[in-house]
mmCIF file of all heavy atoms, coordinates in Angstrom:
data_MODEL
# 
_entry.id   MODEL 
# 
loop_
_atom_site.group_PDB 
_atom_site.id 
_atom_site.type_symbol 
_atom_site.label_atom_id 
_atom_site.label_alt_id 
_atom_site.label_comp_id 
_atom_site.label_asym_id 
_atom_site.label_entity_id 
_atom_site.label_seq_id 
_atom_site.pdbx_PDB_ins_code 
_atom_site.Cartn_x 
_atom_site.Cartn_y 
_atom_site.Cartn_z 
_atom_site.occupancy 
_atom_site.B_iso_or_equiv 
_atom_site.pdbx_formal_charge 
_atom_site.auth_seq_id 
_atom_site.auth_comp_id 
_atom_site.auth_asym_id 
_atom_site.auth_atom_id 
_atom_site.pdbx_PDB_model_num 
ATOM 1   N N   . LEU A 1 1  ? -1.890 13.440  -9.957  1.00 0.00 ? 1  LEU A N   1 
ATOM 2   C CA  . LEU A 1 1  ? -1.637 12.307  -10.911 1.00 0.00 ? 1  LEU A CA  1 
ATOM 3   C C   . LEU A 1 1  ? -2.905 12.136  -11.748 1.00 0.00 ? 1  LEU A C   1 
ATOM 4   O O   . LEU A 1 1  ? -2.834 11.916  -12.936 1.00 0.00 ? 1  LEU A O   1 
ATOM 5   C CB  . LEU A 1 1  ? -1.256 11.093  -10.205 1.00 0.00 ? 1  LEU A CB  1 
ATOM 6   C CG  . LEU A 1 1  ? 0.214  11.066  -9.674  1.00 0.00 ? 1  LEU A CG  1 
ATOM 7   C CD1 . LEU A 1 1  ? 0.434  9.835   -8.794  1.00 0.00 ? 1  LEU A CD1 1 
ATOM 8   C CD2 . LEU A 1 1  ? 1.203  11.000  -10.858 1.00 0.00 ? 1  LEU A CD2 1 
ATOM 9   N N   . ILE A 1 2  ? -4.050 12.146  -11.106 1.00 0.00 ? 2  ILE A N   1 
ATOM 10  C CA  . ILE A 1 2  ? -5.314 11.948  -11.892 1.00 0.00 ? 2  ILE A CA  1 
ATOM 11  C C   . ILE A 1 2  ? -5.582 13.096  -12.817 1.00 0.00 ? 2  ILE A C   1 
ATOM 12  O O   . ILE A 1 2  ? -5.869 12.908  -14.001 1.00 0.00 ? 2  ILE A O   1 
ATOM 13  C CB  . ILE A 1 2  ? -6.481 11.696  -10.910 1.00 0.00 ? 2  ILE A CB  1 
ATOM 14  C CG1 . ILE A 1 2  ? -6.297 10.390  -10.206 1.00 0.00 ? 2  ILE A CG1 1 
ATOM 15  C CG2 . ILE A 1 2  ? -7.751 11.765  -11.623 1.00 0.00 ? 2  ILE A CG2 1 
ATOM 16  C CD1 . ILE A 1 2  ? -7.280 10.210  -8.979  1.00 0.00 ? 2  ILE A CD1 1 
ATOM 17  N N   . GLU A 1 3  ? -5.537 14.337  -12.270 1.00 0.00 ? 3  GLU A N   1 
ATOM 18  C CA  . GLU A 1 3  ? -5.829 15.525  -13.064 1.00 0.00 ? 3  GLU A CA  1 
ATOM 19  C C   . GLU A 1 3  ? -4.863 15.778  -14.127 1.00 0.00 ? 3  GLU A C   1 
ATOM 20  O O   . GLU A 1 3  ? -5.267 16.040  -15.312 1.00 0.00 ? 3  GLU A O   1 
ATOM 21  C CB  . GLU A 1 3  ? -6.010 16.698  -12.152 1.00 0.00 ? 3  GLU A CB  1 
ATOM 22  C CG  . GLU A 1 3  ? -7.176 16.690  -11.252 1.00 0.00 ? 3  GLU A CG  1 
ATOM 23  C CD  . GLU A 1 3  ? -7.298 17.801  -10.260 1.00 0.00 ? 3  GLU A CD  1 
ATOM 24  O OE1 . GLU A 1 3  ? -6.309 18.619  -10.206 1.00 0.00 ? 3  GLU A OE1 1 
ATOM 25  O OE2 . GLU A 1 3  ? -8.245 17.874  -9.440  1.00 0.00 ? 3  GLU A OE2 1 
ATOM 26  N N   . LYS A 1 4  ? -3.611 15.718  -13.903 1.00 0.00 ? 4  LYS A N   1 
ATOM 27  C CA  . LYS A 1 4  ? -2.551 16.121  -14.871 1.00 0.00 ? 4  LYS A CA  1 
ATOM 28  C C   . LYS A 1 4  ? -2.180 14.952  -15.799 1.00 0.00 ? 4  LYS A C   1 
ATOM 29  O O   . LYS A 1 4  ? -1.981 15.150  -16.982 1.00 0.00 ? 4  LYS A O   1 
ATOM 30  C CB  . LYS A 1 4  ? -1.312 16.647  -14.137 1.00 0.00 ? 4  LYS A CB  1 
ATOM 31  C CG  . LYS A 1 4  ? -0.303 17.134  -15.126 1.00 0.00 ? 4  LYS A CG  1 
ATOM 32  C CD  . LYS A 1 4  ? 0.811  17.908  -14.333 1.00 0.00 ? 4  LYS A CD  1 
ATOM 33  C CE  . LYS A 1 4  ? 1.839  18.445  -15.283 1.00 0.00 ? 4  LYS A CE  1 
ATOM 34  N NZ  . LYS A 1 4  ? 2.919  19.121  -14.563 1.00 0.00 ? 4  LYS A NZ  1 
ATOM 35  N N   . TYR A 1 5  ? -2.092 13.759  -15.195 1.00 0.00 ? 5  TYR A N   1 
ATOM 36  C CA  . TYR A 1 5  ? -1.528 12.621  -16.051 1.00 0.00 ? 5  TYR A CA  1 
ATOM 37  C C   . TYR A 1 5  ? -2.592 11.527  -16.270 1.00 0.00 ? 5  TYR A C   1 
ATOM 38  O O   . TYR A 1 5  ? -2.237 10.581  -16.933 1.00 0.00 ? 5  TYR A O   1 
ATOM 39  C CB  . TYR A 1 5  ? -0.374 11.981  -15.283 1.00 0.00 ? 5  TYR A CB  1 
ATOM 40  C CG  . TYR A 1 5  ? 0.803  12.985  -15.038 1.00 0.00 ? 5  TYR A CG  1 
ATOM 41  C CD1 . TYR A 1 5  ? 0.990  13.611  -13.882 1.00 0.00 ? 5  TYR A CD1 1 
ATOM 42  C CD2 . TYR A 1 5  ? 1.658  13.220  -16.125 1.00 0.00 ? 5  TYR A CD2 1 
ATOM 43  C CE1 . TYR A 1 5  ? 2.068  14.481  -13.636 1.00 0.00 ? 5  TYR A CE1 1 
ATOM 44  C CE2 . TYR A 1 5  ? 2.739  14.089  -15.896 1.00 0.00 ? 5  TYR A CE2 1 
ATOM 45  C CZ  . TYR A 1 5  ? 2.940  14.733  -14.700 1.00 0.00 ? 5  TYR A CZ  1 
ATOM 46  O OH  . TYR A 1 5  ? 3.958  15.577  -14.524 1.00 0.00 ? 5  TYR A OH  1 
ATOM 47  N N   . LYS A 1 6  ? -3.730 11.622  -15.713 1.00 0.00 ? 6  LYS A N   1 
ATOM 48  C CA  . LYS A 1 6  ? -4.816 10.619  -15.869 1.00 0.00 ? 6  LYS A CA  1 
ATOM 49  C C   . LYS A 1 6  ? -4.348 9.241   -15.361 1.00 0.00 ? 6  LYS A C   1 
ATOM 50  O O   . LYS A 1 6  ? -4.567 8.201   -16.016 1.00 0.00 ? 6  LYS A O   1 
ATOM 51  C CB  . LYS A 1 6  ? -5.257 10.453  -17.309 1.00 0.00 ? 6  LYS A CB  1 
ATOM 52  C CG  . LYS A 1 6  ? -5.764 11.762  -17.959 1.00 0.00 ? 6  LYS A CG  1 
ATOM 53  C CD  . LYS A 1 6  ? -7.020 12.274  -17.230 1.00 0.00 ? 6  LYS A CD  1 
ATOM 54  C CE  . LYS A 1 6  ? -7.569 13.493  -17.928 1.00 0.00 ? 6  LYS A CE  1 
ATOM 55  N NZ  . LYS A 1 6  ? -7.606 14.624  -17.082 1.00 0.00 ? 6  LYS A NZ  1 
ATOM 56  N N   . LEU A 1 7  ? -3.579 9.247   -14.256 1.00 0.00 ? 7  LEU A N   1 
ATOM 57  C CA  . LEU A 1 7  ? -3.059 8.019   -13.693 1.00 0.00 ? 7  LEU A CA  1 
ATOM 58  C C   . LEU A 1 7  ? -3.553 7.740   -12.290 1.00 0.00 ? 7  LEU A C   1 
ATOM 59  O O   . LEU A 1 7  ? -3.772 8.624   -11.468 1.00 0.00 ? 7  LEU A O   1 
ATOM 60  C CB  . LEU A 1 7  ? -1.459 8.175   -13.587 1.00 0.00 ? 7  LEU A CB  1 
ATOM 61  C CG  . LEU A 1 7  ? -0.738 8.199   -14.959 1.00 0.00 ? 7  LEU A CG  1 
ATOM 62  C CD1 . LEU A 1 7  ? 0.786  8.386   -14.708 1.00 0.00 ? 7  LEU A CD1 1 
ATOM 63  C CD2 . LEU A 1 7  ? -1.047 7.019   -15.873 1.00 0.00 ? 7  LEU A CD2 1 
ATOM 64  N N   . ILE A 1 8  ? -3.705 6.423   -12.056 1.00 0.00 ? 8  ILE A N   1 
ATOM 65  C CA  . ILE A 1 8  ? -3.999 5.948   -10.738 1.00 0.00 ? 8  ILE A CA  1 
ATOM 66  C C   . ILE A 1 8  ? -3.111 4.679   -10.458 1.00 0.00 ? 8  ILE A C   1 
ATOM 67  O O   . ILE A 1 8  ? -2.548 4.149   -11.417 1.00 0.00 ? 8  ILE A O   1 
ATOM 68  C CB  . ILE A 1 8  ? -5.509 5.550   -10.524 1.00 0.00 ? 8  ILE A CB  1 
ATOM 69  C CG1 . ILE A 1 8  ? -5.935 4.465   -11.486 1.00 0.00 ? 8  ILE A CG1 1 
ATOM 70  C CG2 . ILE A 1 8  ? -6.360 6.758   -10.627 1.00 0.00 ? 8  ILE A CG2 1 
ATOM 71  C CD1 . ILE A 1 8  ? -7.229 3.887   -11.222 1.00 0.00 ? 8  ILE A CD1 1 
ATOM 72  N N   . PHE A 1 9  ? -2.984 4.352   -9.172  1.00 0.00 ? 9  PHE A N   1 
ATOM 73  C CA  . PHE A 1 9  ? -2.197 3.178   -8.822  1.00 0.00 ? 9  PHE A CA  1 
ATOM 74  C C   . PHE A 1 9  ? -3.082 2.108   -8.223  1.00 0.00 ? 9  PHE A C   1 
ATOM 75  O O   . PHE A 1 9  ? -4.028 2.400   -7.566  1.00 0.00 ? 9  PHE A O   1 
ATOM 76  C CB  . PHE A 1 9  ? -1.113 3.594   -7.873  1.00 0.00 ? 9  PHE A CB  1 
ATOM 77  C CG  . PHE A 1 9  ? -0.036 4.492   -8.431  1.00 0.00 ? 9  PHE A CG  1 
ATOM 78  C CD1 . PHE A 1 9  ? 0.133  5.773   -7.979  1.00 0.00 ? 9  PHE A CD1 1 
ATOM 79  C CD2 . PHE A 1 9  ? 0.857  4.006   -9.454  1.00 0.00 ? 9  PHE A CD2 1 
ATOM 80  C CE1 . PHE A 1 9  ? 1.077  6.560   -8.476  1.00 0.00 ? 9  PHE A CE1 1 
ATOM 81  C CE2 . PHE A 1 9  ? 1.778  4.822   -10.007 1.00 0.00 ? 9  PHE A CE2 1 
ATOM 82  C CZ  . PHE A 1 9  ? 1.914  6.131   -9.507  1.00 0.00 ? 9  PHE A CZ  1 
ATOM 83  N N   . ALA A 1 10 ? -2.740 0.862   -8.447  1.00 0.00 ? 10 ALA A N   1 
ATOM 84  C CA  . ALA A 1 10 ? -3.385 -0.294  -7.830  1.00 0.00 ? 10 ALA A CA  1 
ATOM 85  C C   . ALA A 1 10 ? -2.395 -1.315  -7.419  1.00 0.00 ? 10 ALA A C   1 
ATOM 86  O O   . ALA A 1 10 ? -1.457 -1.581  -8.185  1.00 0.00 ? 10 ALA A O   1 
ATOM 87  C CB  . ALA A 1 10 ? -4.460 -0.882  -8.846  1.00 0.00 ? 10 ALA A CB  1 
ATOM 88  N N   . VAL A 1 11 ? -2.680 -1.896  -6.255  1.00 0.00 ? 11 VAL A N   1 
ATOM 89  C CA  . VAL A 1 11 ? -1.784 -3.024  -5.850  1.00 0.00 ? 11 VAL A CA  1 
ATOM 90  C C   . VAL A 1 11 ? -2.037 -4.181  -6.715  1.00 0.00 ? 11 VAL A C   1 
ATOM 91  O O   . VAL A 1 11 ? -3.165 -4.660  -6.872  1.00 0.00 ? 11 VAL A O   1 
ATOM 92  C CB  . VAL A 1 11 ? -2.000 -3.366  -4.308  1.00 0.00 ? 11 VAL A CB  1 
ATOM 93  C CG1 . VAL A 1 11 ? -1.240 -4.578  -3.941  1.00 0.00 ? 11 VAL A CG1 1 
ATOM 94  C CG2 . VAL A 1 11 ? -1.626 -2.122  -3.470  1.00 0.00 ? 11 VAL A CG2 1 
ATOM 95  N N   . LYS A 1 12 ? -0.953 -4.761  -7.334  1.00 0.00 ? 12 LYS A N   1 
ATOM 96  C CA  . LYS A 1 12 ? -1.050 -5.918  -8.188  1.00 0.00 ? 12 LYS A CA  1 
ATOM 97  C C   . LYS A 1 12 ? -0.679 -7.182  -7.459  1.00 0.00 ? 12 LYS A C   1 
ATOM 98  O O   . LYS A 1 12 ? -1.300 -8.262  -7.705  1.00 0.00 ? 12 LYS A O   1 
ATOM 99  C CB  . LYS A 1 12 ? -0.215 -5.736  -9.406  1.00 0.00 ? 12 LYS A CB  1 
ATOM 100 C CG  . LYS A 1 12 ? -0.246 -6.830  -10.442 1.00 0.00 ? 12 LYS A CG  1 
ATOM 101 C CD  . LYS A 1 12 ? 0.509  -6.499  -11.701 1.00 0.00 ? 12 LYS A CD  1 
ATOM 102 C CE  . LYS A 1 12 ? 0.632  -7.550  -12.676 1.00 0.00 ? 12 LYS A CE  1 
ATOM 103 N NZ  . LYS A 1 12 ? -0.616 -8.272  -13.015 1.00 0.00 ? 12 LYS A NZ  1 
ATOM 104 N N   . ASN A 1 13 ? 0.275  -7.102  -6.579  1.00 0.00 ? 13 ASN A N   1 
ATOM 105 C CA  . ASN A 1 13 ? 0.832  -8.282  -5.908  1.00 0.00 ? 13 ASN A CA  1 
ATOM 106 C C   . ASN A 1 13 ? 1.356  -7.809  -4.590  1.00 0.00 ? 13 ASN A C   1 
ATOM 107 O O   . ASN A 1 13 ? 1.890  -6.716  -4.469  1.00 0.00 ? 13 ASN A O   1 
ATOM 108 C CB  . ASN A 1 13 ? 1.873  -8.889  -6.757  1.00 0.00 ? 13 ASN A CB  1 
ATOM 109 C CG  . ASN A 1 13 ? 2.358  -10.236 -6.209  1.00 0.00 ? 13 ASN A CG  1 
ATOM 110 O OD1 . ASN A 1 13 ? 3.092  -10.239 -5.203  1.00 0.00 ? 13 ASN A OD1 1 
ATOM 111 N ND2 . ASN A 1 13 ? 1.966  -11.317 -6.883  1.00 0.00 ? 13 ASN A ND2 1 
ATOM 112 N N   . LEU A 1 14 ? 1.289  -8.711  -3.566  1.00 0.00 ? 14 LEU A N   1 
ATOM 113 C CA  . LEU A 1 14 ? 1.780  -8.345  -2.227  1.00 0.00 ? 14 LEU A CA  1 
ATOM 114 C C   . LEU A 1 14 ? 2.269  -9.582  -1.565  1.00 0.00 ? 14 LEU A C   1 
ATOM 115 O O   . LEU A 1 14 ? 1.611  -10.608 -1.559  1.00 0.00 ? 14 LEU A O   1 
ATOM 116 C CB  . LEU A 1 14 ? 0.582  -7.755  -1.446  1.00 0.00 ? 14 LEU A CB  1 
ATOM 117 C CG  . LEU A 1 14 ? 0.919  -7.593  0.038   1.00 0.00 ? 14 LEU A CG  1 
ATOM 118 C CD1 . LEU A 1 14 ? 1.783  -6.424  0.263   1.00 0.00 ? 14 LEU A CD1 1 
ATOM 119 C CD2 . LEU A 1 14 ? -0.488 -7.344  0.719   1.00 0.00 ? 14 LEU A CD2 1 
ATOM 120 N N   . LYS A 1 15 ? 3.495  -9.492  -1.034  1.00 0.00 ? 15 LYS A N   1 
ATOM 121 C CA  . LYS A 1 15 ? 4.019  -10.557 -0.208  1.00 0.00 ? 15 LYS A CA  1 
ATOM 122 C C   . LYS A 1 15 ? 4.376  -9.859  1.169   1.00 0.00 ? 15 LYS A C   1 
ATOM 123 O O   . LYS A 1 15 ? 5.086  -8.858  1.267   1.00 0.00 ? 15 LYS A O   1 
ATOM 124 C CB  . LYS A 1 15 ? 5.317  -11.155 -0.728  1.00 0.00 ? 15 LYS A CB  1 
ATOM 125 C CG  . LYS A 1 15 ? 5.214  -11.796 -2.077  1.00 0.00 ? 15 LYS A CG  1 
ATOM 126 C CD  . LYS A 1 15 ? 6.575  -12.162 -2.631  1.00 0.00 ? 15 LYS A CD  1 
ATOM 127 C CE  . LYS A 1 15 ? 6.466  -12.573 -4.111  1.00 0.00 ? 15 LYS A CE  1 
ATOM 128 N NZ  . LYS A 1 15 ? 7.753  -12.778 -4.684  1.00 0.00 ? 15 LYS A NZ  1 
ATOM 129 N N   . ILE A 1 16 ? 3.843  -10.451 2.257   1.00 0.00 ? 16 ILE A N   1 
ATOM 130 C CA  . ILE A 1 16 ? 3.991  -9.821  3.534   1.00 0.00 ? 16 ILE A CA  1 
ATOM 131 C C   . ILE A 1 16 ? 4.331  -10.804 4.629   1.00 0.00 ? 16 ILE A C   1 
ATOM 132 O O   . ILE A 1 16 ? 3.884  -11.965 4.605   1.00 0.00 ? 16 ILE A O   1 
ATOM 133 C CB  . ILE A 1 16 ? 2.708  -8.989  3.939   1.00 0.00 ? 16 ILE A CB  1 
ATOM 134 C CG1 . ILE A 1 16 ? 2.990  -8.127  5.152   1.00 0.00 ? 16 ILE A CG1 1 
ATOM 135 C CG2 . ILE A 1 16 ? 1.536  -9.934  4.153   1.00 0.00 ? 16 ILE A CG2 1 
ATOM 136 C CD1 . ILE A 1 16 ? 1.998  -6.975  5.365   1.00 0.00 ? 16 ILE A CD1 1 
ATOM 137 N N   . ASN A 1 17 ? 5.199  -10.412 5.482   1.00 0.00 ? 17 ASN A N   1 
ATOM 138 C CA  . ASN A 1 17 ? 5.614  -11.245 6.675   1.00 0.00 ? 17 ASN A CA  1 
ATOM 139 C C   . ASN A 1 17 ? 5.281  -10.431 7.979   1.00 0.00 ? 17 ASN A C   1 
ATOM 140 O O   . ASN A 1 17 ? 5.808  -9.287  8.035   1.00 0.00 ? 17 ASN A O   1 
ATOM 141 C CB  . ASN A 1 17 ? 7.086  -11.610 6.631   1.00 0.00 ? 17 ASN A CB  1 
ATOM 142 C CG  . ASN A 1 17 ? 7.375  -12.661 5.491   1.00 0.00 ? 17 ASN A CG  1 
ATOM 143 O OD1 . ASN A 1 17 ? 6.681  -13.566 5.403   1.00 0.00 ? 17 ASN A OD1 1 
ATOM 144 N ND2 . ASN A 1 17 ? 8.388  -12.304 4.763   1.00 0.00 ? 17 ASN A ND2 1 
ATOM 145 N N   . TYR A 1 18 ? 4.665  -11.086 8.868   1.00 0.00 ? 18 TYR A N   1 
ATOM 146 C CA  . TYR A 1 18 ? 4.350  -10.419 10.141  1.00 0.00 ? 18 TYR A CA  1 
ATOM 147 C C   . TYR A 1 18 ? 5.297  -11.144 11.181  1.00 0.00 ? 18 TYR A C   1 
ATOM 148 O O   . TYR A 1 18 ? 5.159  -12.400 11.377  1.00 0.00 ? 18 TYR A O   1 
ATOM 149 C CB  . TYR A 1 18 ? 2.885  -10.651 10.561  1.00 0.00 ? 18 TYR A CB  1 
ATOM 150 C CG  . TYR A 1 18 ? 1.925  -10.071 9.609   1.00 0.00 ? 18 TYR A CG  1 
ATOM 151 C CD1 . TYR A 1 18 ? 1.268  -10.794 8.577   1.00 0.00 ? 18 TYR A CD1 1 
ATOM 152 C CD2 . TYR A 1 18 ? 1.585  -8.688  9.758   1.00 0.00 ? 18 TYR A CD2 1 
ATOM 153 C CE1 . TYR A 1 18 ? 0.358  -10.218 7.784   1.00 0.00 ? 18 TYR A CE1 1 
ATOM 154 C CE2 . TYR A 1 18 ? 0.660  -8.185  8.813   1.00 0.00 ? 18 TYR A CE2 1 
ATOM 155 C CZ  . TYR A 1 18 ? 0.089  -8.947  7.857   1.00 0.00 ? 18 TYR A CZ  1 
ATOM 156 O OH  . TYR A 1 18 ? -0.860 -8.386  7.028   1.00 0.00 ? 18 TYR A OH  1 
ATOM 157 N N   . MET A 1 19 ? 6.194  -10.373 11.753  1.00 0.00 ? 19 MET A N   1 
ATOM 158 C CA  . MET A 1 19 ? 7.151  -10.941 12.686  1.00 0.00 ? 19 MET A CA  1 
ATOM 159 C C   . MET A 1 19 ? 6.783  -10.749 14.235  1.00 0.00 ? 19 MET A C   1 
ATOM 160 O O   . MET A 1 19 ? 6.829  -11.646 15.003  1.00 0.00 ? 19 MET A O   1 
ATOM 161 C CB  . MET A 1 19 ? 8.505  -10.349 12.547  1.00 0.00 ? 19 MET A CB  1 
ATOM 162 C CG  . MET A 1 19 ? 9.325  -11.042 11.361  1.00 0.00 ? 19 MET A CG  1 
ATOM 163 S SD  . MET A 1 19 ? 8.731  -10.527 9.776   1.00 0.00 ? 19 MET A SD  1 
ATOM 164 C CE  . MET A 1 19 ? 9.737  -9.123  9.400   1.00 0.00 ? 19 MET A CE  1 
ATOM 165 N N   . LYS A 1 20 ? 6.321  -9.481  14.459  1.00 0.00 ? 20 LYS A N   1 
ATOM 166 C CA  . LYS A 1 20 ? 5.914  -9.186  15.900  1.00 0.00 ? 20 LYS A CA  1 
ATOM 167 C C   . LYS A 1 20 ? 4.731  -8.218  15.836  1.00 0.00 ? 20 LYS A C   1 
ATOM 168 O O   . LYS A 1 20 ? 4.580  -7.458  14.890  1.00 0.00 ? 20 LYS A O   1 
ATOM 169 C CB  . LYS A 1 20 ? 7.158  -8.488  16.588  1.00 0.00 ? 20 LYS A CB  1 
ATOM 170 C CG  . LYS A 1 20 ? 8.332  -9.323  16.848  1.00 0.00 ? 20 LYS A CG  1 
ATOM 171 C CD  . LYS A 1 20 ? 9.336  -8.535  17.617  1.00 0.00 ? 20 LYS A CD  1 
ATOM 172 C CE  . LYS A 1 20 ? 10.396 -9.506  18.158  1.00 0.00 ? 20 LYS A CE  1 
ATOM 173 N NZ  . LYS A 1 20 ? 11.232 -8.903  19.238  1.00 0.00 ? 20 LYS A NZ  1 
ATOM 174 N N   . PRO A 1 21 ? 3.968  -8.258  16.871  1.00 0.00 ? 21 PRO A N   1 
ATOM 175 C CA  . PRO A 1 21 ? 2.794  -7.310  16.906  1.00 0.00 ? 21 PRO A CA  1 
ATOM 176 C C   . PRO A 1 21 ? 3.228  -5.880  17.357  1.00 0.00 ? 21 PRO A C   1 
ATOM 177 O O   . PRO A 1 21 ? 4.235  -5.666  17.945  1.00 0.00 ? 21 PRO A O   1 
ATOM 178 C CB  . PRO A 1 21 ? 1.933  -8.006  18.045  1.00 0.00 ? 21 PRO A CB  1 
ATOM 179 C CG  . PRO A 1 21 ? 2.847  -8.640  18.892  1.00 0.00 ? 21 PRO A CG  1 
ATOM 180 C CD  . PRO A 1 21 ? 4.037  -9.143  18.017  1.00 0.00 ? 21 PRO A CD  1 
ATOM 181 N N   . SER A 1 22 ? 2.350  -4.944  17.031  1.00 0.00 ? 22 SER A N   1 
ATOM 182 C CA  . SER A 1 22 ? 2.477  -3.628  17.655  1.00 0.00 ? 22 SER A CA  1 
ATOM 183 C C   . SER A 1 22 ? 1.174  -3.372  18.382  1.00 0.00 ? 22 SER A C   1 
ATOM 184 O O   . SER A 1 22 ? 0.150  -4.077  18.245  1.00 0.00 ? 22 SER A O   1 
ATOM 185 C CB  . SER A 1 22 ? 2.735  -2.620  16.522  1.00 0.00 ? 22 SER A CB  1 
ATOM 186 O OG  . SER A 1 22 ? 1.693  -2.632  15.601  1.00 0.00 ? 22 SER A OG  1 
ATOM 187 N N   . TYR A 1 23 ? 1.272  -2.307  19.240  1.00 0.00 ? 23 TYR A N   1 
ATOM 188 C CA  . TYR A 1 23 ? 0.200  -2.159  20.265  1.00 0.00 ? 23 TYR A CA  1 
ATOM 189 C C   . TYR A 1 23 ? -0.304 -0.750  20.264  1.00 0.00 ? 23 TYR A C   1 
ATOM 190 O O   . TYR A 1 23 ? 0.362  0.250   19.777  1.00 0.00 ? 23 TYR A O   1 
ATOM 191 C CB  . TYR A 1 23 ? 0.711  -2.587  21.635  1.00 0.00 ? 23 TYR A CB  1 
ATOM 192 C CG  . TYR A 1 23 ? 1.225  -3.942  21.675  1.00 0.00 ? 23 TYR A CG  1 
ATOM 193 C CD1 . TYR A 1 23 ? 2.552  -4.215  21.508  1.00 0.00 ? 23 TYR A CD1 1 
ATOM 194 C CD2 . TYR A 1 23 ? 0.365  -4.963  21.962  1.00 0.00 ? 23 TYR A CD2 1 
ATOM 195 C CE1 . TYR A 1 23 ? 3.052  -5.517  21.532  1.00 0.00 ? 23 TYR A CE1 1 
ATOM 196 C CE2 . TYR A 1 23 ? 0.833  -6.279  22.045  1.00 0.00 ? 23 TYR A CE2 1 
ATOM 197 C CZ  . TYR A 1 23 ? 2.123  -6.525  21.804  1.00 0.00 ? 23 TYR A CZ  1 
ATOM 198 O OH  . TYR A 1 23 ? 2.607  -7.855  21.853  1.00 0.00 ? 23 TYR A OH  1 
ATOM 199 N N   . LEU A 1 24 ? -1.433 -0.522  20.845  1.00 0.00 ? 24 LEU A N   1 
ATOM 200 C CA  . LEU A 1 24 ? -2.010 0.787   21.084  1.00 0.00 ? 24 LEU A CA  1 
ATOM 201 C C   . LEU A 1 24 ? -0.880 1.789   21.576  1.00 0.00 ? 24 LEU A C   1 
ATOM 202 O O   . LEU A 1 24 ? -0.198 1.446   22.519  1.00 0.00 ? 24 LEU A O   1 
ATOM 203 C CB  . LEU A 1 24 ? -3.113 0.645   22.129  1.00 0.00 ? 24 LEU A CB  1 
ATOM 204 C CG  . LEU A 1 24 ? -3.840 1.989   22.419  1.00 0.00 ? 24 LEU A CG  1 
ATOM 205 C CD1 . LEU A 1 24 ? -4.598 2.518   21.204  1.00 0.00 ? 24 LEU A CD1 1 
ATOM 206 C CD2 . LEU A 1 24 ? -4.856 1.702   23.639  1.00 0.00 ? 24 LEU A CD2 1 
ATOM 207 N N   . ASP A 1 25 ? -0.876 2.925   20.963  1.00 0.00 ? 25 ASP A N   1 
ATOM 208 C CA  . ASP A 1 25 ? 0.036  4.056   21.277  1.00 0.00 ? 25 ASP A CA  1 
ATOM 209 C C   . ASP A 1 25 ? 1.478  3.918   20.788  1.00 0.00 ? 25 ASP A C   1 
ATOM 210 O O   . ASP A 1 25 ? 2.295  4.775   21.056  1.00 0.00 ? 25 ASP A O   1 
ATOM 211 C CB  . ASP A 1 25 ? 0.012  4.437   22.798  1.00 0.00 ? 25 ASP A CB  1 
ATOM 212 C CG  . ASP A 1 25 ? -1.265 5.090   23.245  1.00 0.00 ? 25 ASP A CG  1 
ATOM 213 O OD1 . ASP A 1 25 ? -1.893 5.840   22.408  1.00 0.00 ? 25 ASP A OD1 1 
ATOM 214 O OD2 . ASP A 1 25 ? -1.708 4.901   24.403  1.00 0.00 ? 25 ASP A OD2 1 
# 
C-alpha cells in the first residue's frame, strides 16, 4: 500500500466494550 499507492491507515475513532477477560494460553 505504501510503495504502490502511497497509502497508510490510522485509527481515527474507536468504541470498545470489554465483557469478559481472557487468560494465558
